[in-house]
Amino acid sequence: CASSRARGGSRSRRRVLLGTRAQVRPTSLELGGKGAIVVRADADVETAADHAVLGILQCAGQVCSATSRLLAHADVYDAVLDRIRAKMAAVVVGAPLDPATTMGPLVSVAQRGKVDAAVAR
């Protein structure tokens, strides 16, 4: 089964959709977005924290599906946040081929500037 995938601006995505509309084919558009993790009151806190951290660290957070929001029930909010903080404190930023590294570098100096600005806010 053939599929179509697209990244880019609105014009590019529109062209892909128009080009595939007469065909029955899976189409995947990278639309950016805000990947949220929803944690219910009955959730396993450790598992929720594991998934949140994985979503944050995968590709150094530079993918459209990176976890950027956490919506947790008030009953587990503090526990989940405590586990995420502990896991993030253990992150080792370094060279991608170093076995001790758990998060590699940002893609560019410009991206580092964006991250620095977000942290400063």
PDB file of N, CA and C in Angstrom:
ATOM      1  N   CYS A   1       0.841  -1.175   0.000  1.00  0.00           N
ATOM      2  CA  CYS A   1       0.000   0.000   0.000  1.00  0.00           C
ATOM      3  C   CYS A   1       0.889   1.241   0.000  1.00  0.00           C
ATOM      4  N   ALA A   2       0.764   2.056  -0.992  1.00  0.00           N
ATOM      5  CA  ALA A   2       1.546   3.293  -1.063  1.00  0.00           C
ATOM      6  C   ALA A   2       0.985   4.310  -0.094  1.00  0.00           C
ATOM      7  N   SER A   3       1.844   5.194   0.343  1.00  0.00           N
ATOM      8  CA  SER A   3       1.386   6.255   1.237  1.00  0.00           C
ATOM      9  C   SER A   3       2.052   7.551   0.840  1.00  0.00           C
ATOM     10  N   SER A   4       1.480   8.645   1.320  1.00  0.00           N
ATOM     11  CA  SER A   4       2.037   9.968   1.057  1.00  0.00           C
ATOM     12  C   SER A   4       2.355  10.622   2.377  1.00  0.00           C
ATOM     13  N   ARG A   5       3.491  11.283   2.427  1.00  0.00           N
ATOM     14  CA  ARG A   5       3.879  12.000   3.635  1.00  0.00           C
ATOM     15  C   ARG A   5       4.360  13.387   3.233  1.00  0.00           C
ATOM     16  N   ALA A   6       4.107  14.360   4.098  1.00  0.00           N
ATOM     17  CA  ALA A   6       4.525  15.716   3.764  1.00  0.00           C
ATOM     18  C   ALA A   6       4.890  16.498   5.006  1.00  0.00           C
ATOM     19  N   ARG A   7       5.854  17.379   4.832  1.00  0.00           N
ATOM     20  CA  ARG A   7       6.216  18.358   5.847  1.00  0.00           C
ATOM     21  C   ARG A   7       6.215  19.703   5.155  1.00  0.00           C
ATOM     22  N   GLY A   8       6.217  20.733   5.925  1.00  0.00           N
ATOM     23  CA  GLY A   8       6.339  22.049   5.324  1.00  0.00           C
ATOM     24  C   GLY A   8       5.170  22.934   5.670  1.00  0.00           C
ATOM     25  N   GLY A   9       5.070  24.005   4.908  1.00  0.00           N
ATOM     26  CA  GLY A   9       4.045  25.006   5.168  1.00  0.00           C
ATOM     27  C   GLY A   9       2.672  24.592   4.678  1.00  0.00           C
ATOM     28  N   SER A  10       1.713  25.479   4.900  1.00  0.00           N
ATOM     29  CA  SER A  10       0.321  25.201   4.538  1.00  0.00           C
ATOM     30  C   SER A  10       0.155  24.916   3.058  1.00  0.00           C
ATOM     31  N   ARG A  11       0.881  25.630   2.210  1.00  0.00           N
ATOM     32  CA  ARG A  11       0.757  25.430   0.770  1.00  0.00           C
ATOM     33  C   ARG A  11       1.189  24.018   0.380  1.00  0.00           C
ATOM     34  N   SER A  12       2.291  23.554   0.944  1.00  0.00           N
ATOM     35  CA  SER A  12       2.768  22.198   0.646  1.00  0.00           C
ATOM     36  C   SER A  12       1.760  21.152   1.095  1.00  0.00           C
ATOM     37  N   ARG A  13       1.242  21.300   2.307  1.00  0.00           N
ATOM     38  CA  ARG A  13       0.275  20.328   2.823  1.00  0.00           C
ATOM     39  C   ARG A  13      -0.992  20.310   1.976  1.00  0.00           C
ATOM     40  N   ARG A  14      -1.440  21.472   1.562  1.00  0.00           N
ATOM     41  CA  ARG A  14      -2.644  21.561   0.729  1.00  0.00           C
ATOM     42  C   ARG A  14      -2.416  20.843  -0.598  1.00  0.00           C
ATOM     43  N   ARG A  15      -1.241  21.016  -1.192  1.00  0.00           N
ATOM     44  CA  ARG A  15      -0.941  20.360  -2.470  1.00  0.00           C
ATOM     45  C   ARG A  15      -0.933  18.844  -2.322  1.00  0.00           C
ATOM     46  N   VAL A  16      -0.376  18.342  -1.215  1.00  0.00           N
ATOM     47  CA  VAL A  16      -0.368  16.893  -0.989  1.00  0.00           C
ATOM     48  C   VAL A  16      -1.791  16.379  -0.842  1.00  0.00           C
ATOM     49  N   LEU A  17      -2.585  17.055  -0.043  1.00  0.00           N
ATOM     50  CA  LEU A  17      -3.972  16.609   0.140  1.00  0.00           C
ATOM     51  C   LEU A  17      -4.744  16.636  -1.175  1.00  0.00           C
ATOM     52  N   LEU A  18      -4.595  17.690  -1.940  1.00  0.00           N
ATOM     53  CA  LEU A  18      -5.285  17.760  -3.228  1.00  0.00           C
ATOM     54  C   LEU A  18      -4.797  16.671  -4.177  1.00  0.00           C
ATOM     55  N   GLY A  19      -3.512  16.370  -4.120  1.00  0.00           N
ATOM     56  CA  GLY A  19      -2.947  15.339  -4.993  1.00  0.00           C
ATOM     57  C   GLY A  19      -3.374  13.932  -4.625  1.00  0.00           C
ATOM     58  N   THR A  20      -3.750  13.694  -3.389  1.00  0.00           N
ATOM     59  CA  THR A  20      -4.119  12.344  -2.960  1.00  0.00           C
ATOM     60  C   THR A  20      -5.624  12.168  -2.776  1.00  0.00           C
ATOM     61  N   ARG A  21      -6.404  13.198  -3.005  1.00  0.00           N
ATOM     62  CA  ARG A  21      -7.837  13.112  -2.698  1.00  0.00           C
ATOM     63  C   ARG A  21      -8.594  12.093  -3.545  1.00  0.00           C
ATOM     64  N   ALA A  22      -8.143  11.835  -4.766  1.00  0.00           N
ATOM     65  CA  ALA A  22      -8.850  10.882  -5.621  1.00  0.00           C
ATOM     66  C   ALA A  22      -8.366   9.448  -5.410  1.00  0.00           C
ATOM     67  N   GLN A  23      -7.391   9.262  -4.548  1.00  0.00           N
ATOM     68  CA  GLN A  23      -6.819   7.943  -4.312  1.00  0.00           C
ATOM     69  C   GLN A  23      -7.154   7.486  -2.900  1.00  0.00           C
ATOM     70  N   VAL A  24      -7.262   6.199  -2.729  1.00  0.00           N
ATOM     71  CA  VAL A  24      -7.412   5.667  -1.385  1.00  0.00           C
ATOM     72  C   VAL A  24      -6.007   5.316  -0.926  1.00  0.00           C
ATOM     73  N   ARG A  25      -5.430   6.196  -0.131  1.00  0.00           N
ATOM     74  CA  ARG A  25      -4.047   6.016   0.305  1.00  0.00           C
ATOM     75  C   ARG A  25      -3.867   6.725   1.635  1.00  0.00           C
ATOM     76  N   PRO A  26      -3.155   6.076   2.553  1.00  0.00           N
ATOM     77  CA  PRO A  26      -2.870   6.749   3.823  1.00  0.00           C
ATOM     78  C   PRO A  26      -2.042   7.997   3.574  1.00  0.00           C
ATOM     79  N   THR A  27      -2.399   9.068   4.239  1.00  0.00           N
ATOM     80  CA  THR A  27      -1.674  10.324   4.094  1.00  0.00           C
ATOM     81  C   THR A  27      -1.303  10.833   5.469  1.00  0.00           C
ATOM     82  N   SER A  28      -0.041  11.173   5.640  1.00  0.00           N
ATOM     83  CA  SER A  28       0.456  11.663   6.924  1.00  0.00           C
ATOM     84  C   SER A  28       1.026  13.049   6.726  1.00  0.00           C
ATOM     85  N   LEU A  29       0.506  14.017   7.476  1.00  0.00           N
ATOM     86  CA  LEU A  29       1.007  15.378   7.394  1.00  0.00           C
ATOM     87  C   LEU A  29       1.616  15.773   8.727  1.00  0.00           C
ATOM     88  N   GLU A  30       2.847  16.245   8.696  1.00  0.00           N
ATOM     89  CA  GLU A  30       3.461  16.755   9.910  1.00  0.00           C
ATOM     90  C   GLU A  30       3.002  18.195  10.062  1.00  0.00           C
ATOM     91  N   LEU A  31       2.079  18.403  10.981  1.00  0.00           N
ATOM     92  CA  LEU A  31       1.441  19.704  11.111  1.00  0.00           C
ATOM     93  C   LEU A  31       1.979  20.510  12.289  1.00  0.00           C
ATOM     94  N   GLY A  32       3.040  20.055  12.875  1.00  0.00           N
ATOM     95  CA  GLY A  32       3.514  20.728  14.078  1.00  0.00           C
ATOM     96  C   GLY A  32       2.546  20.396  15.194  1.00  0.00           C
ATOM     97  N   GLY A  33       2.477  21.196  16.167  1.00  0.00           N
ATOM     98  CA  GLY A  33       1.473  20.952  17.182  1.00  0.00           C
ATOM     99  C   GLY A  33       2.043  20.892  18.566  1.00  0.00           C
ATOM    100  N   LYS A  34       1.189  20.616  19.464  1.00  0.00           N
ATOM    101  CA  LYS A  34       1.541  20.576  20.874  1.00  0.00           C
ATOM    102  C   LYS A  34       1.164  19.218  21.417  1.00  0.00           C
ATOM    103  N   GLY A  35       2.158  18.342  21.522  1.00  0.00           N
ATOM    104  CA  GLY A  35       1.924  16.992  22.019  1.00  0.00           C
ATOM    105  C   GLY A  35       1.635  17.020  23.508  1.00  0.00           C
ATOM    106  N   ALA A  36       0.443  16.615  23.868  1.00  0.00           N
ATOM    107  CA  ALA A  36       0.058  16.614  25.283  1.00  0.00           C
ATOM    108  C   ALA A  36      -0.006  15.185  25.809  1.00  0.00           C
ATOM    109  N   ILE A  37       0.357  15.045  27.058  1.00  0.00           N
ATOM    110  CA  ILE A  37       0.147  13.788  27.770  1.00  0.00           C
ATOM    111  C   ILE A  37      -0.925  14.066  28.806  1.00  0.00           C
ATOM    112  N   VAL A  38      -1.949  13.236  28.803  1.00  0.00           N
ATOM    113  CA  VAL A  38      -3.047  13.362  29.756  1.00  0.00           C
ATOM    114  C   VAL A  38      -2.890  12.259  30.791  1.00  0.00           C
ATOM    115  N   VAL A  39      -2.836  12.645  32.055  1.00  0.00           N
ATOM    116  CA  VAL A  39      -2.644  11.692  33.142  1.00  0.00           C
ATOM    117  C   VAL A  39      -3.905  11.699  34.009  1.00  0.00           C
ATOM    118  N   ARG A  40      -4.599  10.584  34.001  1.00  0.00           N
ATOM    119  CA  ARG A  40      -5.834  10.459  34.788  1.00  0.00           C
ATOM    120  C   ARG A  40      -5.511  10.151  36.246  1.00  0.00           C
ATOM    121  N   ALA A  41      -6.505  10.296  37.089  1.00  0.00           N
ATOM    122  CA  ALA A  41      -6.329  10.064  38.522  1.00  0.00           C
ATOM    123  C   ALA A  41      -5.908   8.628  38.826  1.00  0.00           C
ATOM    124  N   ASP A  42      -6.329   7.681  37.991  1.00  0.00           N
ATOM    125  CA  ASP A  42      -6.015   6.274  38.242  1.00  0.00           C
ATOM    126  C   ASP A  42      -4.775   5.790  37.479  1.00  0.00           C
ATOM    127  N   ALA A  43      -4.010   6.721  36.908  1.00  0.00           N
ATOM    128  CA  ALA A  43      -2.837   6.355  36.108  1.00  0.00           C
ATOM    129  C   ALA A  43      -1.689   5.887  36.996  1.00  0.00           C
ATOM    130  N   ASP A  44      -0.838   5.052  36.416  1.00  0.00           N
ATOM    131  CA  ASP A  44       0.408   4.652  37.065  1.00  0.00           C
ATOM    132  C   ASP A  44       1.368   5.834  36.925  1.00  0.00           C
ATOM    133  N   VAL A  45       1.719   6.458  38.036  1.00  0.00           N
ATOM    134  CA  VAL A  45       2.527   7.679  38.036  1.00  0.00           C
ATOM    135  C   VAL A  45       3.893   7.456  37.393  1.00  0.00           C
ATOM    136  N   GLU A  46       4.532   6.351  37.699  1.00  0.00           N
ATOM    137  CA  GLU A  46       5.857   6.070  37.155  1.00  0.00           C
ATOM    138  C   GLU A  46       5.804   5.931  35.634  1.00  0.00           C
ATOM    139  N   THR A  47       4.812   5.215  35.131  1.00  0.00           N
ATOM    140  CA  THR A  47       4.669   5.040  33.691  1.00  0.00           C
ATOM    141  C   THR A  47       4.372   6.373  33.010  1.00  0.00           C
ATOM    142  N   ALA A  48       3.503   7.163  33.602  1.00  0.00           N
ATOM    143  CA  ALA A  48       3.186   8.481  33.042  1.00  0.00           C
ATOM    144  C   ALA A  48       4.435   9.346  32.950  1.00  0.00           C
ATOM    145  N   ALA A  49       5.241   9.342  34.011  1.00  0.00           N
ATOM    146  CA  ALA A  49       6.476  10.132  34.009  1.00  0.00           C
ATOM    147  C   ALA A  49       7.457   9.604  32.968  1.00  0.00           C
ATOM    148  N   ASP A  50       7.565   8.289  32.846  1.00  0.00           N
ATOM    149  CA  ASP A  50       8.452   7.697  31.829  1.00  0.00           C
ATOM    150  C   ASP A  50       8.067   8.164  30.433  1.00  0.00           C
ATOM    151  N   HIS A  51       6.777   8.119  30.126  1.00  0.00           N
ATOM    152  CA  HIS A  51       6.313   8.522  28.790  1.00  0.00           C
ATOM    153  C   HIS A  51       6.488  10.019  28.563  1.00  0.00           C
ATOM    154  N   ALA A  52       6.245  10.808  29.583  1.00  0.00           N
ATOM    155  CA  ALA A  52       6.430  12.256  29.439  1.00  0.00           C
ATOM    156  C   ALA A  52       7.885  12.584  29.141  1.00  0.00           C
ATOM    157  N   VAL A  53       8.798  11.993  29.876  1.00  0.00           N
ATOM    158  CA  VAL A  53      10.228  12.270  29.684  1.00  0.00           C
ATOM    159  C   VAL A  53      10.698  11.760  28.319  1.00  0.00           C
ATOM    160  N   LEU A  54      10.261  10.588  27.929  1.00  0.00           N
ATOM    161  CA  LEU A  54      10.620  10.085  26.601  1.00  0.00           C
ATOM    162  C   LEU A  54      10.143  11.052  25.521  1.00  0.00           C
ATOM    163  N   GLY A  55       8.922  11.537  25.658  1.00  0.00           N
ATOM    164  CA  GLY A  55       8.378  12.482  24.682  1.00  0.00           C
ATOM    165  C   GLY A  55       9.112  13.805  24.652  1.00  0.00           C
ATOM    166  N   ILE A  56       9.679  14.190  25.785  1.00  0.00           N
ATOM    167  CA  ILE A  56      10.442  15.433  25.858  1.00  0.00           C
ATOM    168  C   ILE A  56      11.830  15.249  25.250  1.00  0.00           C
ATOM    169  N   LEU A  57      12.486  14.132  25.566  1.00  0.00           N
ATOM    170  CA  LEU A  57      13.889  13.939  25.196  1.00  0.00           C
ATOM    171  C   LEU A  57      14.116  13.374  23.806  1.00  0.00           C
ATOM    172  N   GLN A  58      13.118  12.702  23.246  1.00  0.00           N
ATOM    173  CA  GLN A  58      13.307  12.095  21.927  1.00  0.00           C
ATOM    174  C   GLN A  58      13.723  13.158  20.920  1.00  0.00           C
ATOM    175  N   CYS A  59      14.821  12.943  20.260  1.00  0.00           N
ATOM    176  CA  CYS A  59      15.382  13.892  19.277  1.00  0.00           C
ATOM    177  C   CYS A  59      15.613  15.264  19.910  1.00  0.00           C
ATOM    178  N   ALA A  60      15.971  15.271  21.185  1.00  0.00           N
ATOM    179  CA  ALA A  60      16.225  16.505  21.935  1.00  0.00           C
ATOM    180  C   ALA A  60      15.024  17.447  21.885  1.00  0.00           C
ATOM    181  N   GLY A  61      13.836  16.865  21.779  1.00  0.00           N
ATOM    182  CA  GLY A  61      12.619  17.671  21.763  1.00  0.00           C
ATOM    183  C   GLY A  61      12.371  18.424  20.481  1.00  0.00           C
ATOM    184  N   GLN A  62      13.078  18.059  19.413  1.00  0.00           N
ATOM    185  CA  GLN A  62      13.013  18.810  18.160  1.00  0.00           C
ATOM    186  C   GLN A  62      12.177  18.114  17.095  1.00  0.00           C
ATOM    187  N   VAL A  63      11.103  17.477  17.523  1.00  0.00           N
ATOM    188  CA  VAL A  63      10.180  16.845  16.584  1.00  0.00           C
ATOM    189  C   VAL A  63       8.780  17.357  16.875  1.00  0.00           C
ATOM    190  N   CYS A  64       7.922  17.300  15.870  1.00  0.00           N
ATOM    191  CA  CYS A  64       6.582  17.856  16.044  1.00  0.00           C
ATOM    192  C   CYS A  64       5.776  17.114  17.097  1.00  0.00           C
ATOM    193  N   SER A  65       6.134  15.890  17.373  1.00  0.00           N
ATOM    194  CA  SER A  65       5.380  15.108  18.355  1.00  0.00           C
ATOM    195  C   SER A  65       5.977  15.190  19.756  1.00  0.00           C
ATOM    196  N   ALA A  66       6.959  16.066  19.958  1.00  0.00           N
ATOM    197  CA  ALA A  66       7.574  16.196  21.280  1.00  0.00           C
ATOM    198  C   ALA A  66       6.526  16.607  22.309  1.00  0.00           C
ATOM    199  N   THR A  67       6.616  16.025  23.470  1.00  0.00           N
ATOM    200  CA  THR A  67       5.701  16.368  24.548  1.00  0.00           C
ATOM    201  C   THR A  67       5.942  17.814  24.961  1.00  0.00           C
ATOM    202  N   SER A  68       4.925  18.630  24.853  1.00  0.00           N
ATOM    203  CA  SER A  68       5.086  20.031  25.234  1.00  0.00           C
ATOM    204  C   SER A  68       4.065  20.455  26.285  1.00  0.00           C
ATOM    205  N   ARG A  69       3.119  19.562  26.587  1.00  0.00           N
ATOM    206  CA  ARG A  69       2.119  19.881  27.608  1.00  0.00           C
ATOM    207  C   ARG A  69       1.835  18.645  28.439  1.00  0.00           C
ATOM    208  N   LEU A  70       1.582  18.859  29.705  1.00  0.00           N
ATOM    209  CA  LEU A  70       1.212  17.785  30.614  1.00  0.00           C
ATOM    210  C   LEU A  70      -0.082  18.198  31.287  1.00  0.00           C
ATOM    211  N   LEU A  71      -1.104  17.396  31.092  1.00  0.00           N
ATOM    212  CA  LEU A  71      -2.401  17.648  31.721  1.00  0.00           C
ATOM    213  C   LEU A  71      -2.645  16.513  32.696  1.00  0.00           C
ATOM    214  N   ALA A  72      -2.471  16.786  33.981  1.00  0.00           N
ATOM    215  CA  ALA A  72      -2.582  15.743  34.987  1.00  0.00           C
ATOM    216  C   ALA A  72      -3.706  16.065  35.958  1.00  0.00           C
ATOM    217  N   HIS A  73      -4.432  15.029  36.345  1.00  0.00           N
ATOM    218  CA  HIS A  73      -5.493  15.169  37.333  1.00  0.00           C
ATOM    219  C   HIS A  73      -4.877  15.691  38.632  1.00  0.00           C
ATOM    220  N   ALA A  74      -5.604  16.525  39.339  1.00  0.00           N
ATOM    221  CA  ALA A  74      -5.103  17.131  40.576  1.00  0.00           C
ATOM    222  C   ALA A  74      -4.654  16.088  41.595  1.00  0.00           C
ATOM    223  N   ASP A  75      -5.305  14.931  41.600  1.00  0.00           N
ATOM    224  CA  ASP A  75      -4.952  13.886  42.578  1.00  0.00           C
ATOM    225  C   ASP A  75      -3.551  13.308  42.370  1.00  0.00           C
ATOM    226  N   VAL A  76      -3.038  13.369  41.142  1.00  0.00           N
ATOM    227  CA  VAL A  76      -1.714  12.793  40.854  1.00  0.00           C
ATOM    228  C   VAL A  76      -0.710  13.825  40.341  1.00  0.00           C
ATOM    229  N   TYR A  77      -1.145  15.051  40.202  1.00  0.00           N
ATOM    230  CA  TYR A  77      -0.305  16.097  39.607  1.00  0.00           C
ATOM    231  C   TYR A  77       1.055  16.211  40.296  1.00  0.00           C
ATOM    232  N   ASP A  78       1.063  16.400  41.606  1.00  0.00           N
ATOM    233  CA  ASP A  78       2.328  16.585  42.323  1.00  0.00           C
ATOM    234  C   ASP A  78       3.238  15.367  42.207  1.00  0.00           C
ATOM    235  N   ALA A  79       2.667  14.184  42.299  1.00  0.00           N
ATOM    236  CA  ALA A  79       3.463  12.957  42.210  1.00  0.00           C
ATOM    237  C   ALA A  79       4.087  12.811  40.819  1.00  0.00           C
ATOM    238  N   VAL A  80       3.309  13.077  39.778  1.00  0.00           N
ATOM    239  CA  VAL A  80       3.836  12.978  38.410  1.00  0.00           C
ATOM    240  C   VAL A  80       4.936  14.007  38.202  1.00  0.00           C
ATOM    241  N   LEU A  81       4.693  15.232  38.626  1.00  0.00           N
ATOM    242  CA  LEU A  81       5.689  16.286  38.459  1.00  0.00           C
ATOM    243  C   LEU A  81       6.973  15.962  39.218  1.00  0.00           C
ATOM    244  N   ASP A  82       6.856  15.434  40.427  1.00  0.00           N
ATOM    245  CA  ASP A  82       8.039  15.035  41.195  1.00  0.00           C
ATOM    246  C   ASP A  82       8.844  13.972  40.456  1.00  0.00           C
ATOM    247  N   ARG A  83       8.170  12.984  39.859  1.00  0.00           N
ATOM    248  CA  ARG A  83       8.870  11.916  39.129  1.00  0.00           C
ATOM    249  C   ARG A  83       9.536  12.467  37.874  1.00  0.00           C
ATOM    250  N   ILE A  84       8.857  13.370  37.178  1.00  0.00           N
ATOM    251  CA  ILE A  84       9.445  13.974  35.973  1.00  0.00           C
ATOM    252  C   ILE A  84      10.676  14.784  36.355  1.00  0.00           C
ATOM    253  N   ARG A  85      10.581  15.565  37.420  1.00  0.00           N
ATOM    254  CA  ARG A  85      11.738  16.356  37.865  1.00  0.00           C
ATOM    255  C   ARG A  85      12.930  15.450  38.180  1.00  0.00           C
ATOM    256  N   ALA A  86      12.682  14.365  38.877  1.00  0.00           N
ATOM    257  CA  ALA A  86      13.766  13.437  39.227  1.00  0.00           C
ATOM    258  C   ALA A  86      14.390  12.833  37.977  1.00  0.00           C
ATOM    259  N   LYS A  87      13.556  12.432  37.033  1.00  0.00           N
ATOM    260  CA  LYS A  87      14.074  11.833  35.797  1.00  0.00           C
ATOM    261  C   LYS A  87      14.852  12.855  34.967  1.00  0.00           C
ATOM    262  N   MET A  88      14.366  14.084  34.904  1.00  0.00           N
ATOM    263  CA  MET A  88      15.057  15.116  34.131  1.00  0.00           C
ATOM    264  C   MET A  88      16.379  15.503  34.788  1.00  0.00           C
ATOM    265  N   ALA A  89      16.447  15.454  36.115  1.00  0.00           N
ATOM    266  CA  ALA A  89      17.691  15.772  36.819  1.00  0.00           C
ATOM    267  C   ALA A  89      18.783  14.760  36.487  1.00  0.00           C
ATOM    268  N   ALA A  90      18.384  13.560  36.076  1.00  0.00           N
ATOM    269  CA  ALA A  90      19.346  12.509  35.754  1.00  0.00           C
ATOM    270  C   ALA A  90      19.791  12.531  34.289  1.00  0.00           C
ATOM    271  N   VAL A  91      19.237  13.428  33.489  1.00  0.00           N
ATOM    272  CA  VAL A  91      19.582  13.500  32.068  1.00  0.00           C
ATOM    273  C   VAL A  91      21.033  13.930  31.897  1.00  0.00           C
ATOM    274  N   VAL A  92      21.732  13.245  30.999  1.00  0.00           N
ATOM    275  CA  VAL A  92      23.117  13.586  30.681  1.00  0.00           C
ATOM    276  C   VAL A  92      23.141  14.087  29.238  1.00  0.00           C
ATOM    277  N   VAL A  93      23.410  15.376  29.067  1.00  0.00           N
ATOM    278  CA  VAL A  93      23.517  15.961  27.735  1.00  0.00           C
ATOM    279  C   VAL A  93      24.955  15.781  27.280  1.00  0.00           C
ATOM    280  N   GLY A  94      25.113  15.263  26.063  1.00  0.00           N
ATOM    281  CA  GLY A  94      26.475  15.041  25.595  1.00  0.00           C
ATOM    282  C   GLY A  94      26.532  14.587  24.163  1.00  0.00           C
ATOM    283  N   ALA A  95      27.665  14.032  23.811  1.00  0.00           N
ATOM    284  CA  ALA A  95      27.910  13.547  22.452  1.00  0.00           C
ATOM    285  C   ALA A  95      26.979  12.365  22.155  1.00  0.00           C
ATOM    286  N   PRO A  96      26.339  12.357  21.006  1.00  0.00           N
ATOM    287  CA  PRO A  96      25.362  11.309  20.684  1.00  0.00           C
ATOM    288  C   PRO A  96      25.921   9.883  20.731  1.00  0.00           C
ATOM    289  N   LEU A  97      27.199   9.685  20.450  1.00  0.00           N
ATOM    290  CA  LEU A  97      27.763   8.339  20.431  1.00  0.00           C
ATOM    291  C   LEU A  97      28.314   7.892  21.784  1.00  0.00           C
ATOM    292  N   ASP A  98      28.292   8.780  22.759  1.00  0.00           N
ATOM    293  CA  ASP A  98      28.759   8.435  24.102  1.00  0.00           C
ATOM    294  C   ASP A  98      27.658   7.636  24.797  1.00  0.00           C
ATOM    295  N   PRO A  99      27.938   6.415  25.245  1.00  0.00           N
ATOM    296  CA  PRO A  99      26.908   5.587  25.885  1.00  0.00           C
ATOM    297  C   PRO A  99      26.291   6.229  27.133  1.00  0.00           C
ATOM    298  N   ALA A 100      26.997   7.151  27.774  1.00  0.00           N
ATOM    299  CA  ALA A 100      26.463   7.804  28.966  1.00  0.00           C
ATOM    300  C   ALA A 100      25.459   8.900  28.625  1.00  0.00           C
ATOM    301  N   THR A 101      25.442   9.339  27.370  1.00  0.00           N
ATOM    302  CA  THR A 101      24.550  10.422  26.946  1.00  0.00           C
ATOM    303  C   THR A 101      23.110   9.936  26.863  1.00  0.00           C
ATOM    304  N   THR A 102      22.204  10.718  27.455  1.00  0.00           N
ATOM    305  CA  THR A 102      20.779  10.397  27.338  1.00  0.00           C
ATOM    306  C   THR A 102      20.045  11.426  26.490  1.00  0.00           C
ATOM    307  N   MET A 103      20.697  12.554  26.187  1.00  0.00           N
ATOM    308  CA  MET A 103      20.128  13.536  25.260  1.00  0.00           C
ATOM    309  C   MET A 103      21.252  14.177  24.476  1.00  0.00           C
ATOM    310  N   GLY A 104      21.135  14.133  23.156  1.00  0.00           N
ATOM    311  CA  GLY A 104      22.156  14.699  22.283  1.00  0.00           C
ATOM    312  C   GLY A 104      21.967  16.192  22.084  1.00  0.00           C
ATOM    313  N   PRO A 105      22.714  16.754  21.153  1.00  0.00           N
ATOM    314  CA  PRO A 105      22.724  18.201  20.955  1.00  0.00           C
ATOM    315  C   PRO A 105      21.492  18.708  20.201  1.00  0.00           C
ATOM    316  N   LEU A 106      21.308  20.010  20.283  1.00  0.00           N
ATOM    317  CA  LEU A 106      20.296  20.660  19.455  1.00  0.00           C
ATOM    318  C   LEU A 106      20.829  20.736  18.023  1.00  0.00           C
ATOM    319  N   VAL A 107      19.926  20.956  17.084  1.00  0.00           N
ATOM    320  CA  VAL A 107      20.288  20.879  15.680  1.00  0.00           C
ATOM    321  C   VAL A 107      21.128  22.070  15.201  1.00  0.00           C
ATOM    322  N   SER A 108      21.014  23.223  15.848  1.00  0.00           N
ATOM    323  CA  SER A 108      21.740  24.402  15.381  1.00  0.00           C
ATOM    324  C   SER A 108      21.843  25.444  16.494  1.00  0.00           C
ATOM    325  N   VAL A 109      22.676  26.442  16.236  1.00  0.00           N
ATOM    326  CA  VAL A 109      22.801  27.561  17.167  1.00  0.00           C
ATOM    327  C   VAL A 109      21.476  28.326  17.237  1.00  0.00           C
ATOM    328  N   ALA A 110      20.795  28.439  16.104  1.00  0.00           N
ATOM    329  CA  ALA A 110      19.500  29.133  16.087  1.00  0.00           C
ATOM    330  C   ALA A 110      18.489  28.412  16.984  1.00  0.00           C
ATOM    331  N   GLN A 111      18.480  27.085  16.927  1.00  0.00           N
ATOM    332  CA  GLN A 111      17.563  26.322  17.778  1.00  0.00           C
ATOM    333  C   GLN A 111      17.932  26.499  19.246  1.00  0.00           C
ATOM    334  N   ARG A 112      19.221  26.531  19.534  1.00  0.00           N
ATOM    335  CA  ARG A 112      19.647  26.764  20.923  1.00  0.00           C
ATOM    336  C   ARG A 112      19.139  28.114  21.410  1.00  0.00           C
ATOM    337  N   GLY A 113      19.164  29.114  20.550  1.00  0.00           N
ATOM    338  CA  GLY A 113      18.644  30.437  20.919  1.00  0.00           C
ATOM    339  C   GLY A 113      17.170  30.394  21.251  1.00  0.00           C
ATOM    340  N   LYS A 114      16.400  29.608  20.492  1.00  0.00           N
ATOM    341  CA  LYS A 114      14.968  29.464  20.770  1.00  0.00           C
ATOM    342  C   LYS A 114      14.739  28.795  22.112  1.00  0.00           C
ATOM    343  N   VAL A 115      15.523  27.762  22.392  1.00  0.00           N
ATOM    344  CA  VAL A 115      15.374  27.054  23.661  1.00  0.00           C
ATOM    345  C   VAL A 115      15.754  27.978  24.814  1.00  0.00           C
ATOM    346  N   ASP A 116      16.871  28.690  24.678  1.00  0.00           N
ATOM    347  CA  ASP A 116      17.297  29.609  25.722  1.00  0.00           C
ATOM    348  C   ASP A 116      16.219  30.657  26.002  1.00  0.00           C
ATOM    349  N   ALA A 117      15.595  31.179  24.943  1.00  0.00           N
ATOM    350  CA  ALA A 117      14.542  32.191  25.103  1.00  0.00           C
ATOM    351  C   ALA A 117      13.323  31.604  25.817  1.00  0.00           C
ATOM    352  N   ALA A 118      12.969  30.355  25.479  1.00  0.00           N
ATOM    353  CA  ALA A 118      11.821  29.717  26.130  1.00  0.00           C
ATOM    354  C   ALA A 118      12.094  29.492  27.610  1.00  0.00           C
ATOM    355  N   VAL A 119      13.298  29.063  27.941  1.00  0.00           N
ATOM    356  CA  VAL A 119      13.658  28.833  29.339  1.00  0.00           C
ATOM    357  C   VAL A 119      13.659  30.152  30.105  1.00  0.00           C
ATOM    358  N   ALA A 120      14.130  31.203  29.483  1.00  0.00           N
ATOM    359  CA  ALA A 120      14.184  32.507  30.142  1.00  0.00           C
ATOM    360  C   ALA A 120      12.782  33.063  30.444  1.00  0.00           C
ATOM    361  N   ARG A 121      11.802  32.687  29.615  1.00  0.00           N
ATOM    362  CA  ARG A 121      10.417  33.144  29.865  1.00  0.00           C
ATOM    363  C   ARG A 121       9.929  32.495  31.102  1.00  0.00           C
TER     364      ARG A 121
END
